[in-house]
Amino acid sequence: QAKWFKENNLMPSSLHMAYNTNLLPYFW
């Protein structure tokens, strides 16, 4: 997705995280 967004001059404005991931608490 990041590659396709860059190719088309799109910027991600929001990322919906998975609720069941163990990584989410470490994002910040």
mmCIF file of all heavy atoms, coordinates in Angstrom:
data_MODEL
# 
_entry.id   MODEL 
# 
loop_
_atom_site.group_PDB 
_atom_site.id 
_atom_site.type_symbol 
_atom_site.label_atom_id 
_atom_site.label_alt_id 
_atom_site.label_comp_id 
_atom_site.label_asym_id 
_atom_site.label_entity_id 
_atom_site.label_seq_id 
_atom_site.pdbx_PDB_ins_code 
_atom_site.Cartn_x 
_atom_site.Cartn_y 
_atom_site.Cartn_z 
_atom_site.occupancy 
_atom_site.B_iso_or_equiv 
_atom_site.pdbx_formal_charge 
_atom_site.auth_seq_id 
_atom_site.auth_comp_id 
_atom_site.auth_asym_id 
_atom_site.auth_atom_id 
_atom_site.pdbx_PDB_model_num 
ATOM 1   N N   . GLN A 1 1  ? 0.831   -1.205  0.000  1.00 0.00 ? 1  GLN A N   1 
ATOM 2   C CA  . GLN A 1 1  ? 0.000   0.000   0.000  1.00 0.00 ? 1  GLN A CA  1 
ATOM 3   C C   . GLN A 1 1  ? 0.864   1.253   0.000  1.00 0.00 ? 1  GLN A C   1 
ATOM 4   O O   . GLN A 1 1  ? 0.587   2.199   -0.746 1.00 0.00 ? 1  GLN A O   1 
ATOM 5   C CB  . GLN A 1 1  ? -0.921  0.012   1.225  1.00 0.00 ? 1  GLN A CB  1 
ATOM 6   C CG  . GLN A 1 1  ? -2.027  -1.010  1.158  1.00 0.00 ? 1  GLN A CG  1 
ATOM 7   C CD  . GLN A 1 1  ? -2.887  -0.960  2.391  1.00 0.00 ? 1  GLN A CD  1 
ATOM 8   O OE1 . GLN A 1 1  ? -3.347  0.107   2.786  1.00 0.00 ? 1  GLN A OE1 1 
ATOM 9   N NE2 . GLN A 1 1  ? -3.109  -2.101  3.015  1.00 0.00 ? 1  GLN A NE2 1 
ATOM 10  N N   . ALA A 1 2  ? 1.908   1.272   0.817  1.00 0.00 ? 2  ALA A N   1 
ATOM 11  C CA  . ALA A 1 2  ? 2.792   2.441   0.874  1.00 0.00 ? 2  ALA A CA  1 
ATOM 12  C C   . ALA A 1 2  ? 3.393   2.717   -0.498 1.00 0.00 ? 2  ALA A C   1 
ATOM 13  O O   . ALA A 1 2  ? 3.467   3.874   -0.929 1.00 0.00 ? 2  ALA A O   1 
ATOM 14  C CB  . ALA A 1 2  ? 3.887   2.219   1.906  1.00 0.00 ? 2  ALA A CB  1 
ATOM 15  N N   . LYS A 1 3  ? 3.785   1.672   -1.202 1.00 0.00 ? 3  LYS A N   1 
ATOM 16  C CA  . LYS A 1 3  ? 4.352   1.828   -2.551 1.00 0.00 ? 3  LYS A CA  1 
ATOM 17  C C   . LYS A 1 3  ? 3.307   2.414   -3.495 1.00 0.00 ? 3  LYS A C   1 
ATOM 18  O O   . LYS A 1 3  ? 3.586   3.362   -4.231 1.00 0.00 ? 3  LYS A O   1 
ATOM 19  C CB  . LYS A 1 3  ? 4.833   0.476   -3.064 1.00 0.00 ? 3  LYS A CB  1 
ATOM 20  C CG  . LYS A 1 3  ? 5.411   0.526   -4.449 1.00 0.00 ? 3  LYS A CG  1 
ATOM 21  C CD  . LYS A 1 3  ? 5.804   -0.869  -4.922 1.00 0.00 ? 3  LYS A CD  1 
ATOM 22  C CE  . LYS A 1 3  ? 6.251   -0.789  -6.372 1.00 0.00 ? 3  LYS A CE  1 
ATOM 23  N NZ  . LYS A 1 3  ? 6.050   -1.997  -7.099 1.00 0.00 ? 3  LYS A NZ  1 
ATOM 24  N N   . TRP A 1 4  ? 2.093   1.856   -3.489 1.00 0.00 ? 4  TRP A N   1 
ATOM 25  C CA  . TRP A 1 4  ? 1.036   2.332   -4.384 1.00 0.00 ? 4  TRP A CA  1 
ATOM 26  C C   . TRP A 1 4  ? 0.629   3.756   -4.046 1.00 0.00 ? 4  TRP A C   1 
ATOM 27  O O   . TRP A 1 4  ? 0.351   4.551   -4.937 1.00 0.00 ? 4  TRP A O   1 
ATOM 28  C CB  . TRP A 1 4  ? -0.172  1.407   -4.329 1.00 0.00 ? 4  TRP A CB  1 
ATOM 29  C CG  . TRP A 1 4  ? 0.130   0.009   -4.763 1.00 0.00 ? 4  TRP A CG  1 
ATOM 30  C CD1 . TRP A 1 4  ? 0.994   -0.381  -5.749 1.00 0.00 ? 4  TRP A CD1 1 
ATOM 31  C CD2 . TRP A 1 4  ? -0.415  -1.185  -4.223 1.00 0.00 ? 4  TRP A CD2 1 
ATOM 32  N NE1 . TRP A 1 4  ? 1.011   -1.750  -5.854 1.00 0.00 ? 4  TRP A NE1 1 
ATOM 33  C CE2 . TRP A 1 4  ? 0.153   -2.278  -4.925 1.00 0.00 ? 4  TRP A CE2 1 
ATOM 34  C CE3 . TRP A 1 4  ? -1.326  -1.462  -3.218 1.00 0.00 ? 4  TRP A CE3 1 
ATOM 35  C CZ2 . TRP A 1 4  ? -0.164  -3.594  -4.649 1.00 0.00 ? 4  TRP A CZ2 1 
ATOM 36  C CZ3 . TRP A 1 4  ? -1.646  -2.781  -2.941 1.00 0.00 ? 4  TRP A CZ3 1 
ATOM 37  C CH2 . TRP A 1 4  ? -1.064  -3.834  -3.663 1.00 0.00 ? 4  TRP A CH2 1 
ATOM 38  N N   . PHE A 1 5  ? 0.589   4.090   -2.748 1.00 0.00 ? 5  PHE A N   1 
ATOM 39  C CA  . PHE A 1 5  ? 0.235   5.449   -2.348 1.00 0.00 ? 5  PHE A CA  1 
ATOM 40  C C   . PHE A 1 5  ? 1.280   6.439   -2.870 1.00 0.00 ? 5  PHE A C   1 
ATOM 41  O O   . PHE A 1 5  ? 0.937   7.486   -3.411 1.00 0.00 ? 5  PHE A O   1 
ATOM 42  C CB  . PHE A 1 5  ? 0.113   5.570   -0.831 1.00 0.00 ? 5  PHE A CB  1 
ATOM 43  C CG  . PHE A 1 5  ? -1.009  4.764   -0.231 1.00 0.00 ? 5  PHE A CG  1 
ATOM 44  C CD1 . PHE A 1 5  ? -1.032  4.506   1.132  1.00 0.00 ? 5  PHE A CD1 1 
ATOM 45  C CD2 . PHE A 1 5  ? -2.036  4.235   -1.000 1.00 0.00 ? 5  PHE A CD2 1 
ATOM 46  C CE1 . PHE A 1 5  ? -2.052  3.762   1.705  1.00 0.00 ? 5  PHE A CE1 1 
ATOM 47  C CE2 . PHE A 1 5  ? -3.058  3.481   -0.439 1.00 0.00 ? 5  PHE A CE2 1 
ATOM 48  C CZ  . PHE A 1 5  ? -3.058  3.249   0.920  1.00 0.00 ? 5  PHE A CZ  1 
ATOM 49  N N   . LYS A 1 6  ? 2.562   6.108   -2.719 1.00 0.00 ? 6  LYS A N   1 
ATOM 50  C CA  . LYS A 1 6  ? 3.622   7.000   -3.210 1.00 0.00 ? 6  LYS A CA  1 
ATOM 51  C C   . LYS A 1 6  ? 3.546   7.162   -4.718 1.00 0.00 ? 6  LYS A C   1 
ATOM 52  O O   . LYS A 1 6  ? 3.707   8.270   -5.238 1.00 0.00 ? 6  LYS A O   1 
ATOM 53  C CB  . LYS A 1 6  ? 4.993   6.459   -2.806 1.00 0.00 ? 6  LYS A CB  1 
ATOM 54  C CG  . LYS A 1 6  ? 5.306   6.666   -1.352 1.00 0.00 ? 6  LYS A CG  1 
ATOM 55  C CD  . LYS A 1 6  ? 6.657   6.080   -0.997 1.00 0.00 ? 6  LYS A CD  1 
ATOM 56  C CE  . LYS A 1 6  ? 6.880   6.163   0.506  1.00 0.00 ? 6  LYS A CE  1 
ATOM 57  N NZ  . LYS A 1 6  ? 8.124   5.503   0.914  1.00 0.00 ? 6  LYS A NZ  1 
ATOM 58  N N   . GLU A 1 7  ? 3.310   6.064   -5.428 1.00 0.00 ? 7  GLU A N   1 
ATOM 59  C CA  . GLU A 1 7  ? 3.219   6.120   -6.893 1.00 0.00 ? 7  GLU A CA  1 
ATOM 60  C C   . GLU A 1 7  ? 2.082   7.025   -7.361 1.00 0.00 ? 7  GLU A C   1 
ATOM 61  O O   . GLU A 1 7  ? 2.131   7.579   -8.459 1.00 0.00 ? 7  GLU A O   1 
ATOM 62  C CB  . GLU A 1 7  ? 2.993   4.719   -7.464 1.00 0.00 ? 7  GLU A CB  1 
ATOM 63  C CG  . GLU A 1 7  ? 4.178   3.799   -7.370 1.00 0.00 ? 7  GLU A CG  1 
ATOM 64  C CD  . GLU A 1 7  ? 3.868   2.370   -7.793 1.00 0.00 ? 7  GLU A CD  1 
ATOM 65  O OE1 . GLU A 1 7  ? 2.694   2.037   -8.069 1.00 0.00 ? 7  GLU A OE1 1 
ATOM 66  O OE2 . GLU A 1 7  ? 4.814   1.577   -7.831 1.00 0.00 ? 7  GLU A OE2 1 
ATOM 67  N N   . ASN A 1 8  ? 1.056   7.168   -6.523 1.00 0.00 ? 8  ASN A N   1 
ATOM 68  C CA  . ASN A 1 8  ? -0.128  7.939   -6.906 1.00 0.00 ? 8  ASN A CA  1 
ATOM 69  C C   . ASN A 1 8  ? -0.297  9.221   -6.104 1.00 0.00 ? 8  ASN A C   1 
ATOM 70  O O   . ASN A 1 8  ? -1.383  9.802   -6.080 1.00 0.00 ? 8  ASN A O   1 
ATOM 71  C CB  . ASN A 1 8  ? -1.369  7.049   -6.771 1.00 0.00 ? 8  ASN A CB  1 
ATOM 72  C CG  . ASN A 1 8  ? -1.370  5.958   -7.813 1.00 0.00 ? 8  ASN A CG  1 
ATOM 73  O OD1 . ASN A 1 8  ? -1.660  6.210   -8.974 1.00 0.00 ? 8  ASN A OD1 1 
ATOM 74  N ND2 . ASN A 1 8  ? -1.018  4.741   -7.419 1.00 0.00 ? 8  ASN A ND2 1 
ATOM 75  N N   . ASN A 1 9  ? 0.770   9.662   -5.465 1.00 0.00 ? 9  ASN A N   1 
ATOM 76  C CA  . ASN A 1 9  ? 0.756   10.909  -4.690 1.00 0.00 ? 9  ASN A CA  1 
ATOM 77  C C   . ASN A 1 9  ? -0.353  10.951  -3.653 1.00 0.00 ? 9  ASN A C   1 
ATOM 78  O O   . ASN A 1 9  ? -1.012  11.979  -3.470 1.00 0.00 ? 9  ASN A O   1 
ATOM 79  C CB  . ASN A 1 9  ? 0.668   12.120  -5.623 1.00 0.00 ? 9  ASN A CB  1 
ATOM 80  C CG  . ASN A 1 9  ? 1.846   12.207  -6.552 1.00 0.00 ? 9  ASN A CG  1 
ATOM 81  O OD1 . ASN A 1 9  ? 2.987   12.062  -6.120 1.00 0.00 ? 9  ASN A OD1 1 
ATOM 82  N ND2 . ASN A 1 9  ? 1.588   12.412  -7.823 1.00 0.00 ? 9  ASN A ND2 1 
ATOM 83  N N   . LEU A 1 10 ? -0.560  9.843   -2.976 1.00 0.00 ? 10 LEU A N   1 
ATOM 84  C CA  . LEU A 1 10 ? -1.542  9.770   -1.898 1.00 0.00 ? 10 LEU A CA  1 
ATOM 85  C C   . LEU A 1 10 ? -0.817  9.716   -0.562 1.00 0.00 ? 10 LEU A C   1 
ATOM 86  O O   . LEU A 1 10 ? 0.235   9.086   -0.453 1.00 0.00 ? 10 LEU A O   1 
ATOM 87  C CB  . LEU A 1 10 ? -2.417  8.518   -2.044 1.00 0.00 ? 10 LEU A CB  1 
ATOM 88  C CG  . LEU A 1 10 ? -3.313  8.464   -3.269 1.00 0.00 ? 10 LEU A CG  1 
ATOM 89  C CD1 . LEU A 1 10 ? -3.928  7.082   -3.421 1.00 0.00 ? 10 LEU A CD1 1 
ATOM 90  C CD2 . LEU A 1 10 ? -4.399  9.522   -3.172 1.00 0.00 ? 10 LEU A CD2 1 
ATOM 91  N N   . MET A 1 11 ? -1.387  10.359  0.424  1.00 0.00 ? 11 MET A N   1 
ATOM 92  C CA  . MET A 1 11 ? -0.816  10.339  1.770  1.00 0.00 ? 11 MET A CA  1 
ATOM 93  C C   . MET A 1 11 ? -1.775  9.610   2.700  1.00 0.00 ? 11 MET A C   1 
ATOM 94  O O   . MET A 1 11 ? -2.973  9.892   2.684  1.00 0.00 ? 11 MET A O   1 
ATOM 95  C CB  . MET A 1 11 ? -0.630  11.769  2.293  1.00 0.00 ? 11 MET A CB  1 
ATOM 96  C CG  . MET A 1 11 ? 0.426   12.561  1.564  1.00 0.00 ? 11 MET A CG  1 
ATOM 97  S SD  . MET A 1 11 ? 2.082   11.953  1.855  1.00 0.00 ? 11 MET A SD  1 
ATOM 98  C CE  . MET A 1 11 ? 2.235   12.180  3.605  1.00 0.00 ? 11 MET A CE  1 
ATOM 99  N N   . PRO A 1 12 ? -1.260  8.679   3.500  1.00 0.00 ? 12 PRO A N   1 
ATOM 100 C CA  . PRO A 1 12 ? -2.134  8.068   4.501  1.00 0.00 ? 12 PRO A CA  1 
ATOM 101 C C   . PRO A 1 12 ? -2.485  9.106   5.560  1.00 0.00 ? 12 PRO A C   1 
ATOM 102 O O   . PRO A 1 12 ? -1.603  9.799   6.056  1.00 0.00 ? 12 PRO A O   1 
ATOM 103 C CB  . PRO A 1 12 ? -1.307  6.930   5.090  1.00 0.00 ? 12 PRO A CB  1 
ATOM 104 C CG  . PRO A 1 12 ? 0.017   6.968   4.447  1.00 0.00 ? 12 PRO A CG  1 
ATOM 105 C CD  . PRO A 1 12 ? 0.066   8.120   3.489  1.00 0.00 ? 12 PRO A CD  1 
ATOM 106 N N   . SER A 1 13 ? -3.752  9.237   5.859  1.00 0.00 ? 13 SER A N   1 
ATOM 107 C CA  . SER A 1 13 ? -4.149  10.206  6.881  1.00 0.00 ? 13 SER A CA  1 
ATOM 108 C C   . SER A 1 13 ? -4.498  9.530   8.187  1.00 0.00 ? 13 SER A C   1 
ATOM 109 O O   . SER A 1 13 ? -4.499  10.160  9.228  1.00 0.00 ? 13 SER A O   1 
ATOM 110 C CB  . SER A 1 13 ? -5.348  11.026  6.401  1.00 0.00 ? 13 SER A CB  1 
ATOM 111 O OG  . SER A 1 13 ? -6.464  10.182  6.211  1.00 0.00 ? 13 SER A OG  1 
ATOM 112 N N   . SER A 1 14 ? -4.766  8.247   8.103  1.00 0.00 ? 14 SER A N   1 
ATOM 113 C CA  . SER A 1 14 ? -5.146  7.511   9.303  1.00 0.00 ? 14 SER A CA  1 
ATOM 114 C C   . SER A 1 14 ? -4.881  6.035   9.072  1.00 0.00 ? 14 SER A C   1 
ATOM 115 O O   . SER A 1 14 ? -5.039  5.530   7.964  1.00 0.00 ? 14 SER A O   1 
ATOM 116 C CB  . SER A 1 14 ? -6.635  7.737   9.588  1.00 0.00 ? 14 SER A CB  1 
ATOM 117 O OG  . SER A 1 14 ? -7.016  7.061   10.753 1.00 0.00 ? 14 SER A OG  1 
ATOM 118 N N   . LEU A 1 15 ? -4.476  5.358   10.134 1.00 0.00 ? 15 LEU A N   1 
ATOM 119 C CA  . LEU A 1 15 ? -4.192  3.933   10.063 1.00 0.00 ? 15 LEU A CA  1 
ATOM 120 C C   . LEU A 1 15 ? -5.016  3.236   11.129 1.00 0.00 ? 15 LEU A C   1 
ATOM 121 O O   . LEU A 1 15 ? -4.845  3.493   12.313 1.00 0.00 ? 15 LEU A O   1 
ATOM 122 C CB  . LEU A 1 15 ? -2.700  3.686   10.285 1.00 0.00 ? 15 LEU A CB  1 
ATOM 123 C CG  . LEU A 1 15 ? -2.215  2.261   10.237 1.00 0.00 ? 15 LEU A CG  1 
ATOM 124 C CD1 . LEU A 1 15 ? -2.454  1.660   8.856  1.00 0.00 ? 15 LEU A CD1 1 
ATOM 125 C CD2 . LEU A 1 15 ? -0.732  2.203   10.581 1.00 0.00 ? 15 LEU A CD2 1 
ATOM 126 N N   . HIS A 1 16 ? -5.917  2.396   10.690 1.00 0.00 ? 16 HIS A N   1 
ATOM 127 C CA  . HIS A 1 16 ? -6.765  1.663   11.623 1.00 0.00 ? 16 HIS A CA  1 
ATOM 128 C C   . HIS A 1 16 ? -5.998  0.440   12.092 1.00 0.00 ? 16 HIS A C   1 
ATOM 129 O O   . HIS A 1 16 ? -5.706  -0.462  11.319 1.00 0.00 ? 16 HIS A O   1 
ATOM 130 C CB  . HIS A 1 16 ? -8.063  1.239   10.930 1.00 0.00 ? 16 HIS A CB  1 
ATOM 131 C CG  . HIS A 1 16 ? -9.084  0.736   11.881 1.00 0.00 ? 16 HIS A CG  1 
ATOM 132 N ND1 . HIS A 1 16 ? -9.044  -0.535  12.395 1.00 0.00 ? 16 HIS A ND1 1 
ATOM 133 C CD2 . HIS A 1 16 ? -10.162 1.333   12.422 1.00 0.00 ? 16 HIS A CD2 1 
ATOM 134 C CE1 . HIS A 1 16 ? -10.070 -0.698  13.204 1.00 0.00 ? 16 HIS A CE1 1 
ATOM 135 N NE2 . HIS A 1 16 ? -10.759 0.421   13.244 1.00 0.00 ? 16 HIS A NE2 1 
ATOM 136 N N   . MET A 1 17 ? -5.646  0.416   13.362 1.00 0.00 ? 17 MET A N   1 
ATOM 137 C CA  . MET A 1 17 ? -4.865  -0.683  13.915 1.00 0.00 ? 17 MET A CA  1 
ATOM 138 C C   . MET A 1 17 ? -5.765  -1.878  14.232 1.00 0.00 ? 17 MET A C   1 
ATOM 139 O O   . MET A 1 17 ? -6.940  -1.719  14.527 1.00 0.00 ? 17 MET A O   1 
ATOM 140 C CB  . MET A 1 17 ? -4.156  -0.240  15.197 1.00 0.00 ? 17 MET A CB  1 
ATOM 141 C CG  . MET A 1 17 ? -3.204  0.922   15.001 1.00 0.00 ? 17 MET A CG  1 
ATOM 142 S SD  . MET A 1 17 ? -1.810  0.532   13.946 1.00 0.00 ? 17 MET A SD  1 
ATOM 143 C CE  . MET A 1 17 ? -0.920  -0.590  14.979 1.00 0.00 ? 17 MET A CE  1 
ATOM 144 N N   . ALA A 1 18 ? -5.174  -3.046  14.194 1.00 0.00 ? 18 ALA A N   1 
ATOM 145 C CA  . ALA A 1 18 ? -5.889  -4.261  14.589 1.00 0.00 ? 18 ALA A CA  1 
ATOM 146 C C   . ALA A 1 18 ? -6.107  -4.225  16.098 1.00 0.00 ? 18 ALA A C   1 
ATOM 147 O O   . ALA A 1 18 ? -5.227  -3.806  16.848 1.00 0.00 ? 18 ALA A O   1 
ATOM 148 C CB  . ALA A 1 18 ? -5.086  -5.489  14.204 1.00 0.00 ? 18 ALA A CB  1 
ATOM 149 N N   . TYR A 1 19 ? -7.252  -4.652  16.539 1.00 0.00 ? 19 TYR A N   1 
ATOM 150 C CA  . TYR A 1 19 ? -7.560  -4.624  17.960 1.00 0.00 ? 19 TYR A CA  1 
ATOM 151 C C   . TYR A 1 19 ? -6.852  -5.731  18.733 1.00 0.00 ? 19 TYR A C   1 
ATOM 152 O O   . TYR A 1 19 ? -6.631  -5.628  19.909 1.00 0.00 ? 19 TYR A O   1 
ATOM 153 C CB  . TYR A 1 19 ? -9.064  -4.764  18.186 1.00 0.00 ? 19 TYR A CB  1 
ATOM 154 C CG  . TYR A 1 19 ? -9.835  -3.572  17.738 1.00 0.00 ? 19 TYR A CG  1 
ATOM 155 C CD1 . TYR A 1 19 ? -10.604 -3.612  16.589 1.00 0.00 ? 19 TYR A CD1 1 
ATOM 156 C CD2 . TYR A 1 19 ? -9.784  -2.387  18.452 1.00 0.00 ? 19 TYR A CD2 1 
ATOM 157 C CE1 . TYR A 1 19 ? -11.317 -2.506  16.165 1.00 0.00 ? 19 TYR A CE1 1 
ATOM 158 C CE2 . TYR A 1 19 ? -10.493 -1.268  18.035 1.00 0.00 ? 19 TYR A CE2 1 
ATOM 159 C CZ  . TYR A 1 19 ? -11.259 -1.343  16.897 1.00 0.00 ? 19 TYR A CZ  1 
ATOM 160 O OH  . TYR A 1 19 ? -11.954 -0.257  16.482 1.00 0.00 ? 19 TYR A OH  1 
ATOM 161 N N   . ASN A 1 20 ? -6.498  -6.804  18.053 1.00 0.00 ? 20 ASN A N   1 
ATOM 162 C CA  . ASN A 1 20 ? -5.955  -7.957  18.756 1.00 0.00 ? 20 ASN A CA  1 
ATOM 163 C C   . ASN A 1 20 ? -4.438  -8.051  18.680 1.00 0.00 ? 20 ASN A C   1 
ATOM 164 O O   . ASN A 1 20 ? -3.871  -9.067  18.990 1.00 0.00 ? 20 ASN A O   1 
ATOM 165 C CB  . ASN A 1 20 ? -6.570  -9.240  18.200 1.00 0.00 ? 20 ASN A CB  1 
ATOM 166 C CG  . ASN A 1 20 ? -6.334  -9.380  16.712 1.00 0.00 ? 20 ASN A CG  1 
ATOM 167 O OD1 . ASN A 1 20 ? -5.798  -8.494  16.074 1.00 0.00 ? 20 ASN A OD1 1 
ATOM 168 N ND2 . ASN A 1 20 ? -6.740  -10.494 16.141 1.00 0.00 ? 20 ASN A ND2 1 
ATOM 169 N N   . THR A 1 21 ? -3.773  -7.005  18.311 1.00 0.00 ? 21 THR A N   1 
ATOM 170 C CA  . THR A 1 21 ? -2.325  -7.069  18.168 1.00 0.00 ? 21 THR A CA  1 
ATOM 171 C C   . THR A 1 21 ? -1.618  -6.809  19.494 1.00 0.00 ? 21 THR A C   1 
ATOM 172 O O   . THR A 1 21 ? -2.060  -6.004  20.300 1.00 0.00 ? 21 THR A O   1 
ATOM 173 C CB  . THR A 1 21 ? -1.819  -6.086  17.098 1.00 0.00 ? 21 THR A CB  1 
ATOM 174 O OG1 . THR A 1 21 ? -0.417  -6.234  16.987 1.00 0.00 ? 21 THR A OG1 1 
ATOM 175 C CG2 . THR A 1 21 ? -2.136  -4.654  17.447 1.00 0.00 ? 21 THR A CG2 1 
ATOM 176 N N   . ASN A 1 22 ? -0.524  -7.499  19.688 1.00 0.00 ? 22 ASN A N   1 
ATOM 177 C CA  . ASN A 1 22 ? 0.290   -7.275  20.886 1.00 0.00 ? 22 ASN A CA  1 
ATOM 178 C C   . ASN A 1 22 ? 1.206   -6.078  20.724 1.00 0.00 ? 22 ASN A C   1 
ATOM 179 O O   . ASN A 1 22 ? 1.771   -5.598  21.700 1.00 0.00 ? 22 ASN A O   1 
ATOM 180 C CB  . ASN A 1 22 ? 1.128   -8.520  21.180 1.00 0.00 ? 22 ASN A CB  1 
ATOM 181 C CG  . ASN A 1 22 ? 0.277   -9.699  21.569 1.00 0.00 ? 22 ASN A CG  1 
ATOM 182 O OD1 . ASN A 1 22 ? -0.788  -9.540  22.150 1.00 0.00 ? 22 ASN A OD1 1 
ATOM 183 N ND2 . ASN A 1 22 ? 0.730   -10.888 21.245 1.00 0.00 ? 22 ASN A ND2 1 
ATOM 184 N N   . LEU A 1 23 ? 1.377   -5.598  19.500 1.00 0.00 ? 23 LEU A N   1 
ATOM 185 C CA  . LEU A 1 23 ? 2.280   -4.481  19.242 1.00 0.00 ? 23 LEU A CA  1 
ATOM 186 C C   . LEU A 1 23 ? 1.649   -3.119  19.514 1.00 0.00 ? 23 LEU A C   1 
ATOM 187 O O   . LEU A 1 23 ? 2.348   -2.151  19.758 1.00 0.00 ? 23 LEU A O   1 
ATOM 188 C CB  . LEU A 1 23 ? 2.755   -4.515  17.791 1.00 0.00 ? 23 LEU A CB  1 
ATOM 189 C CG  . LEU A 1 23 ? 3.570   -5.726  17.370 1.00 0.00 ? 23 LEU A CG  1 
ATOM 190 C CD1 . LEU A 1 23 ? 3.888   -5.650  15.882 1.00 0.00 ? 23 LEU A CD1 1 
ATOM 191 C CD2 . LEU A 1 23 ? 4.845   -5.830  18.180 1.00 0.00 ? 23 LEU A CD2 1 
ATOM 192 N N   . LEU A 1 24 ? 0.349   -3.027  19.455 1.00 0.00 ? 24 LEU A N   1 
ATOM 193 C CA  . LEU A 1 24 ? -0.336  -1.740  19.560 1.00 0.00 ? 24 LEU A CA  1 
ATOM 194 C C   . LEU A 1 24 ? 0.097   -0.909  20.768 1.00 0.00 ? 24 LEU A C   1 
ATOM 195 O O   . LEU A 1 24 ? 0.353   0.283   20.627 1.00 0.00 ? 24 LEU A O   1 
ATOM 196 C CB  . LEU A 1 24 ? -1.850  -1.942  19.554 1.00 0.00 ? 24 LEU A CB  1 
ATOM 197 C CG  . LEU A 1 24 ? -2.699  -0.683  19.546 1.00 0.00 ? 24 LEU A CG  1 
ATOM 198 C CD1 . LEU A 1 24 ? -2.355  0.187   18.345 1.00 0.00 ? 24 LEU A CD1 1 
ATOM 199 C CD2 . LEU A 1 24 ? -4.164  -1.033  19.535 1.00 0.00 ? 24 LEU A CD2 1 
ATOM 200 N N   . PRO A 1 25 ? 0.237   -1.486  21.976 1.00 0.00 ? 25 PRO A N   1 
ATOM 201 C CA  . PRO A 1 25 ? 0.632   -0.646  23.114 1.00 0.00 ? 25 PRO A CA  1 
ATOM 202 C C   . PRO A 1 25 ? 2.021   -0.034  22.979 1.00 0.00 ? 25 PRO A C   1 
ATOM 203 O O   . PRO A 1 25 ? 2.350   0.922   23.667 1.00 0.00 ? 25 PRO A O   1 
ATOM 204 C CB  . PRO A 1 25 ? 0.600   -1.608  24.302 1.00 0.00 ? 25 PRO A CB  1 
ATOM 205 C CG  . PRO A 1 25 ? -0.203  -2.768  23.866 1.00 0.00 ? 25 PRO A CG  1 
ATOM 206 C CD  . PRO A 1 25 ? -0.072  -2.848  22.380 1.00 0.00 ? 25 PRO A CD  1 
ATOM 207 N N   . TYR A 1 26 ? 2.839   -0.570  22.090 1.00 0.00 ? 26 TYR A N   1 
ATOM 208 C CA  . TYR A 1 26 ? 4.211   -0.086  21.935 1.00 0.00 ? 26 TYR A CA  1 
ATOM 209 C C   . TYR A 1 26 ? 4.371   0.954   20.837 1.00 0.00 ? 26 TYR A C   1 
ATOM 210 O O   . TYR A 1 26 ? 5.458   1.469   20.629 1.00 0.00 ? 26 TYR A O   1 
ATOM 211 C CB  . TYR A 1 26 ? 5.146   -1.275  21.655 1.00 0.00 ? 26 TYR A CB  1 
ATOM 212 C CG  . TYR A 1 26 ? 5.148   -2.268  22.779 1.00 0.00 ? 26 TYR A CG  1 
ATOM 213 C CD1 . TYR A 1 26 ? 4.429   -3.450  22.671 1.00 0.00 ? 26 TYR A CD1 1 
ATOM 214 C CD2 . TYR A 1 26 ? 5.825   -2.020  23.962 1.00 0.00 ? 26 TYR A CD2 1 
ATOM 215 C CE1 . TYR A 1 26 ? 4.412   -4.361  23.710 1.00 0.00 ? 26 TYR A CE1 1 
ATOM 216 C CE2 . TYR A 1 26 ? 5.813   -2.922  25.004 1.00 0.00 ? 26 TYR A CE2 1 
ATOM 217 C CZ  . TYR A 1 26 ? 5.105   -4.092  24.868 1.00 0.00 ? 26 TYR A CZ  1 
ATOM 218 O OH  . TYR A 1 26 ? 5.075   -4.979  25.903 1.00 0.00 ? 26 TYR A OH  1 
ATOM 219 N N   . PHE A 1 27 ? 3.312   1.267   20.141 1.00 0.00 ? 27 PHE A N   1 
ATOM 220 C CA  . PHE A 1 27 ? 3.393   2.192   19.009 1.00 0.00 ? 27 PHE A CA  1 
ATOM 221 C C   . PHE A 1 27 ? 3.983   3.539   19.410 1.00 0.00 ? 27 PHE A C   1 
ATOM 222 O O   . PHE A 1 27 ? 4.745   4.134   18.669 1.00 0.00 ? 27 PHE A O   1 
ATOM 223 C CB  . PHE A 1 27 ? 2.002   2.373   18.402 1.00 0.00 ? 27 PHE A CB  1 
ATOM 224 C CG  . PHE A 1 27 ? 2.021   3.092   17.083 1.00 0.00 ? 27 PHE A CG  1 
ATOM 225 C CD1 . PHE A 1 27 ? 2.325   2.407   15.924 1.00 0.00 ? 27 PHE A CD1 1 
ATOM 226 C CD2 . PHE A 1 27 ? 1.736   4.440   16.995 1.00 0.00 ? 27 PHE A CD2 1 
ATOM 227 C CE1 . PHE A 1 27 ? 2.345   3.050   14.695 1.00 0.00 ? 27 PHE A CE1 1 
ATOM 228 C CE2 . PHE A 1 27 ? 1.757   5.096   15.777 1.00 0.00 ? 27 PHE A CE2 1 
ATOM 229 C CZ  . PHE A 1 27 ? 2.068   4.394   14.621 1.00 0.00 ? 27 PHE A CZ  1 
ATOM 230 N N   . TRP A 1 28 ? 3.665   4.032   20.595 1.00 0.00 ? 28 TRP A N   1 
ATOM 231 C CA  . TRP A 1 28 ? 4.104   5.355   21.029 1.00 0.00 ? 28 TRP A CA  1 
ATOM 232 C C   . TRP A 1 28 ? 5.324   5.300   21.936 1.00 0.00 ? 28 TRP A C   1 
ATOM 233 O O   . TRP A 1 28 ? 5.767   6.319   22.425 1.00 0.00 ? 28 TRP A O   1 
ATOM 234 C CB  . TRP A 1 28 ? 2.966   6.073   21.757 1.00 0.00 ? 28 TRP A CB  1 
ATOM 235 C CG  . TRP A 1 28 ? 1.841   6.354   20.839 1.00 0.00 ? 28 TRP A CG  1 
ATOM 236 C CD1 . TRP A 1 28 ? 1.699   7.462   20.046 1.00 0.00 ? 28 TRP A CD1 1 
ATOM 237 C CD2 . TRP A 1 28 ? 0.712   5.539   20.568 1.00 0.00 ? 28 TRP A CD2 1 
ATOM 238 N NE1 . TRP A 1 28 ? 0.547   7.378   19.303 1.00 0.00 ? 28 TRP A NE1 1 
ATOM 239 C CE2 . TRP A 1 28 ? -0.089  6.197   19.608 1.00 0.00 ? 28 TRP A CE2 1 
ATOM 240 C CE3 . TRP A 1 28 ? 0.272   4.304   21.025 1.00 0.00 ? 28 TRP A CE3 1 
ATOM 241 C CZ2 . TRP A 1 28 ? -1.272  5.674   19.115 1.00 0.00 ? 28 TRP A CZ2 1 
ATOM 242 C CZ3 . TRP A 1 28 ? -0.907  3.780   20.534 1.00 0.00 ? 28 TRP A CZ3 1 
ATOM 243 C CH2 . TRP A 1 28 ? -1.664  4.464   19.591 1.00 0.00 ? 28 TRP A CH2 1 
# 
